[in-house]
């Protein structure tokens, strides 16, 4: 009996050992299967990621091949993006610029992509390439909130200006399209279409005081004395038949304030002796200084034998702050575009503490002879006086003429009731200076008569004067107005304090 019991116990032990060994082998088999499956899944993920990265970069390669966008990215950044999935950046503009605590004080676009004009697009590799960040900028953007703020501000400045390199004054047409895209993203909701012209009229407060919710004052304004085409290239030969437009945008309504406008059927002919464009604006005073930057927008063409032979003479959007000053000063600036065939040179003036003057002229007695040429001009003087030293050595505006009308050898353009059709009417006058209206009449090369009338500036109302030229008397009427100093919507309602200009 004892031997039988011992054999049974031994058999049970052997069975237990065999069962344990079987279970161990099974566990090892299951574990191996799981490891194999995990490895296979990792391979699948790597393959899916490679396909995803390839899909993301395919639009970029197409854009590069078609040269549709400017992609100034370092190769190192491309390699980095090649191995990057969707970029995880905050989309709230306030977080990008580190101003999340200003909710009650600022009303800004809520999506940073709206600032860059890429609404609806992901923060992925293609988007980063399209925006044109450098590797250093991208690293700074992804590092910290302060890095994002500083980098985005610097990026936006360099997109409109070419830093301080040898091509500082040259503008790429791509930059104009970037300006258009940024404008649409920031301002179209308030001011309508990109092509809209300003609807704010002159003489806004000549006859009536401003409403209580409006801010008006004698502010710093930008005077446009002249614009001329210089330094032609590309085999252009004088004379040139020029058409197109030049406009100025300020922060009051961000719309075009036209200063030159010619259709293809009504070109201006520029000669080797006279490169000056005949200006027709601005239609209201242009505000500059602390209020915000001013953008000069140029799209000029040279007329060819057929439309297909027309050439781009100048095409750009140049932005300048024209910073605040204690005295009125003269500014000369020239701009060219990398794909254009000329340089356009502006003579401008920053007029401090200014009011708006709108000028009207009418022949009241006599008539203007058909064979006499004419020039009607305005001059504005500064209050500093001849013996005042200019702190920043700026040139004086006192001797710069604003051509209101130049008959250019033809008849005086006047309607049947005697009103003279001036090409330009609106000028800015410093509140401590004065406005001088000058009429010059001559026949052939002989100057016959020059008459002047001086008007002290007013904040509102009308000023009247007469210029007796001998063969006729020209009555001058100047309508004075303070200038709107806050942003307005397209219907001229002031923008709420929360919207930044």
Foldseek 3Di string as FASTA:
>chain_A
DVVVVVVVVVVVVVVVVVVVVVVVVVVVVVVVVVVVVVVVVVVVVVVVQLVVLVVVCVVVVVCVVVVVADFQEDVVVVVVQSNDFFDDDDQAVCQLQVNVVCVPQADFPGGVVLQQLNPPDTNGPSVVRRLHDYPVLVVQSPPDSNSSNVSVVVSVVCLQAVPPDPCRQAAALNSVVSVLSNCCSGACVFANHQADAAPDAAQPPFPHHDDPPFDFFLFKFKFFQWKFWAQFDPPDDPFWFKADWKFKAAQQRRHTQTFAHDDLVGTDTAGPVGGTGLTQDRRYTGGAAPQFKMKIFDWMWTDDPDPVPIFTAAGGIHIDRPHDDPWKFWDKDWHGYPRHGTIMITIMITHGSKWKKFKWKFWDDADDDFQKWKWKWKFEFIQQDPPHDDPVNGHGRRPRIRTQDTCPRGGQDADPRGIGDTSYTMGIYHLNIKMKIKMWMDGDPGTQFIWIDIGHADAHYKDWDWTCGPRTIMIMIMTIHTDGSAHAGNVRHGDDSNHRD
